[in-house]
């Protein structure tokens, strides 16, 4: 599809952000999310199009409304991912030698903690 190249990019991003001992679990979650999107995406799109048709949205505008709704959903997910990463300010820079490693692990743990409830249904 159009976004087929986004899966390797997501995998590369995960391996950069997540600690090495958690990379297998994180990569399996990326693969699960990609497969879930392939299965659930068309069903959700059809459901949203039918909902917009019931609300009286004309047929040519239903596709635009579905894209706008999915974009809004993606924006909300990204906003929720950013919020926990900025919350623990006392962990950042706690020590001169291990401050950056602790901050990176804290960010990776918070990202994984946010993704786990979303992917547990898989």
Foldseek 3Di string as FASTA:
>chain_A
DVCPVVLVVVLVVLVVQEDPVCSVVVNVLSVLVVVCCVVCVVVVLVVQLVVVVVVPDDPVCSVVVSVVVVVVVVVVLVVVLVVVLPPPPCQAPVDDPCRVVSSSNSSNVSNCVSSVVVRVVD
